[in-house]
Amino acid sequence: MREINRRIVCAMIFSKDGKLFLGKKNPNNGGVYAYCWHIPGGGVNAGEIDLVALRREMKEETGIDILNYKTELVDDQGKG
């Protein structure tokens, strides 16, 4: 099995009443885990700041622009 080392970002979005926003994988977009629920996110490009990458990924995957949302960055360098 090959190992890929790439920094990623993802977002957990909660509504005011505590509901969690999840996406569902589209089987027509290729990739793995078709029809599975997921937290939106993706890879950070070389030289890109995490928050900029997160904003880009959220816009690409959900159409939501998080520019005016309260964001909290949590960093975990663990493997998994």
Protein backbone atom coordinates (compact mmCIF):
# COMPACT_ATOMS: atom_id res chain seq x y z
CA MET A 1 0.00 0.00 0.00
CA ARG A 2 1.40 3.41 -0.92
CA GLU A 3 1.59 6.22 1.58
CA ILE A 4 0.51 9.73 0.61
CA ASN A 5 1.73 12.61 2.75
CA ARG A 6 -0.39 15.65 2.00
CA ARG A 7 -1.80 18.25 4.31
CA ILE A 8 -5.59 18.35 4.31
CA VAL A 9 -8.29 20.62 5.70
CA CYS A 10 -11.91 19.87 6.48
CA ALA A 11 -14.81 21.67 8.09
CA MET A 12 -17.42 20.70 10.61
CA ILE A 13 -20.28 23.15 10.21
CA PHE A 14 -22.92 23.41 12.90
CA SER A 15 -26.24 25.23 12.66
CA LYS A 16 -27.36 27.49 15.50
CA ASP A 17 -29.46 24.63 16.87
CA GLY A 18 -26.47 22.23 16.89
CA LYS A 19 -27.13 20.21 13.73
CA LEU A 20 -24.04 19.03 11.83
CA PHE A 21 -23.76 19.68 8.08
CA LEU A 22 -22.60 16.62 6.14
CA GLY A 23 -22.12 15.95 2.45
CA LYS A 24 -22.93 12.77 0.56
CA LYS A 25 -20.43 11.48 -2.00
CA ASN A 26 -21.66 11.64 -5.57
CA PRO A 27 -20.94 8.35 -7.38
CA ASN A 28 -20.65 10.18 -10.71
CA ASN A 29 -17.61 12.19 -9.55
CA GLY A 30 -15.36 9.15 -9.29
CA GLY A 31 -13.27 8.47 -6.24
CA VAL A 32 -14.10 6.18 -3.38
CA TYR A 33 -16.96 5.76 -0.93
CA ALA A 34 -19.83 6.57 -3.30
CA TYR A 35 -23.05 7.47 -1.46
CA CYS A 36 -21.22 7.74 1.89
CA TRP A 37 -21.61 10.72 4.21
CA HIS A 38 -18.52 12.89 4.70
CA ILE A 39 -17.20 16.12 6.17
CA PRO A 40 -16.32 18.53 3.33
CA GLY A 41 -12.64 19.19 2.79
CA GLY A 42 -9.61 18.36 0.71
CA GLY A 43 -5.91 18.86 0.06
CA VAL A 44 -3.88 21.98 0.68
CA ASN A 45 -1.95 23.13 -2.39
CA ALA A 46 1.77 23.91 -2.14
CA GLY A 47 2.25 27.35 -0.60
CA GLU A 48 -1.44 27.69 0.29
CA ILE A 49 -2.56 28.85 3.75
CA ASP A 50 -4.88 26.39 5.53
CA LEU A 51 -7.77 28.83 5.88
CA VAL A 52 -7.55 29.77 2.19
CA ALA A 53 -7.54 26.06 1.27
CA LEU A 54 -10.54 25.45 3.50
CA ARG A 55 -12.47 28.31 1.93
CA ARG A 56 -11.64 26.98 -1.56
CA GLU A 57 -12.58 23.40 -0.73
CA MET A 58 -15.87 24.42 0.89
CA LYS A 59 -16.80 26.50 -2.14
CA GLU A 60 -15.85 23.68 -4.54
CA GLU A 61 -17.65 20.92 -2.65
CA THR A 62 -20.71 22.67 -1.21
CA GLY A 63 -21.05 26.06 -2.90
CA ILE A 64 -20.80 27.67 0.56
CA ASP A 65 -18.42 30.63 0.95
CA ILE A 66 -17.20 30.57 4.56
CA LEU A 67 -15.57 34.01 4.40
CA ASN A 68 -18.04 35.56 6.86
CA TYR A 69 -18.43 32.55 9.13
CA LYS A 70 -16.71 32.17 12.47
CA THR A 71 -13.89 29.70 11.92
CA GLU A 72 -11.76 27.83 14.39
CA LEU A 73 -8.65 26.10 13.19
CA VAL A 74 -7.55 22.94 14.93
CA ASP A 75 -4.28 21.35 13.95
CA ASP A 76 -3.47 17.67 14.29
CA GLN A 77 -0.30 16.27 12.81
CA GLY A 78 -1.21 12.68 13.70
CA LYS A 79 -1.27 9.91 11.15
CA GLY A 80 -4.47 8.19 10.27
